[in-house]
């Protein structure tokens, strides 16, 4: 699996400046307001060609956390803003690794421990060198 895929999404998300604090993987974080937790999830790598390419697919997961009681619309509007930044077929690159957006999904939002949680899933695929 290519860590460059993770870096492509994380660096792009940061550069978009969505106006949210960001909870990164394995970093201490104490939210003071609405925030986004981000993570690139990978499926198993598969042989794409007999020569030297493998294909990886996965999901860039963004979980939005908004304080409960502020209504659903601020979180849903922010969710749409983020999804609009990752249209299907958009290609991101990091250090020579390309990754393409393949699908978008926003499951139902749910209240959780004093927060309103909205999950976004941005499907992707990439070819990597063996």
Foldseek 3Di string as FASTA:
>chain_A
DDVQVVVQVVVVVVVVPLVAAEDEPPDDDDDPFKHKYWDWDKDDWADDDPPWKIKIKTKIKIKIKGFPPPDDVVVVVSVVVVVVVQDFQDWTGGPHWIKGFHDKDWPDWDDDDRIIITMIITMIMTMDTD
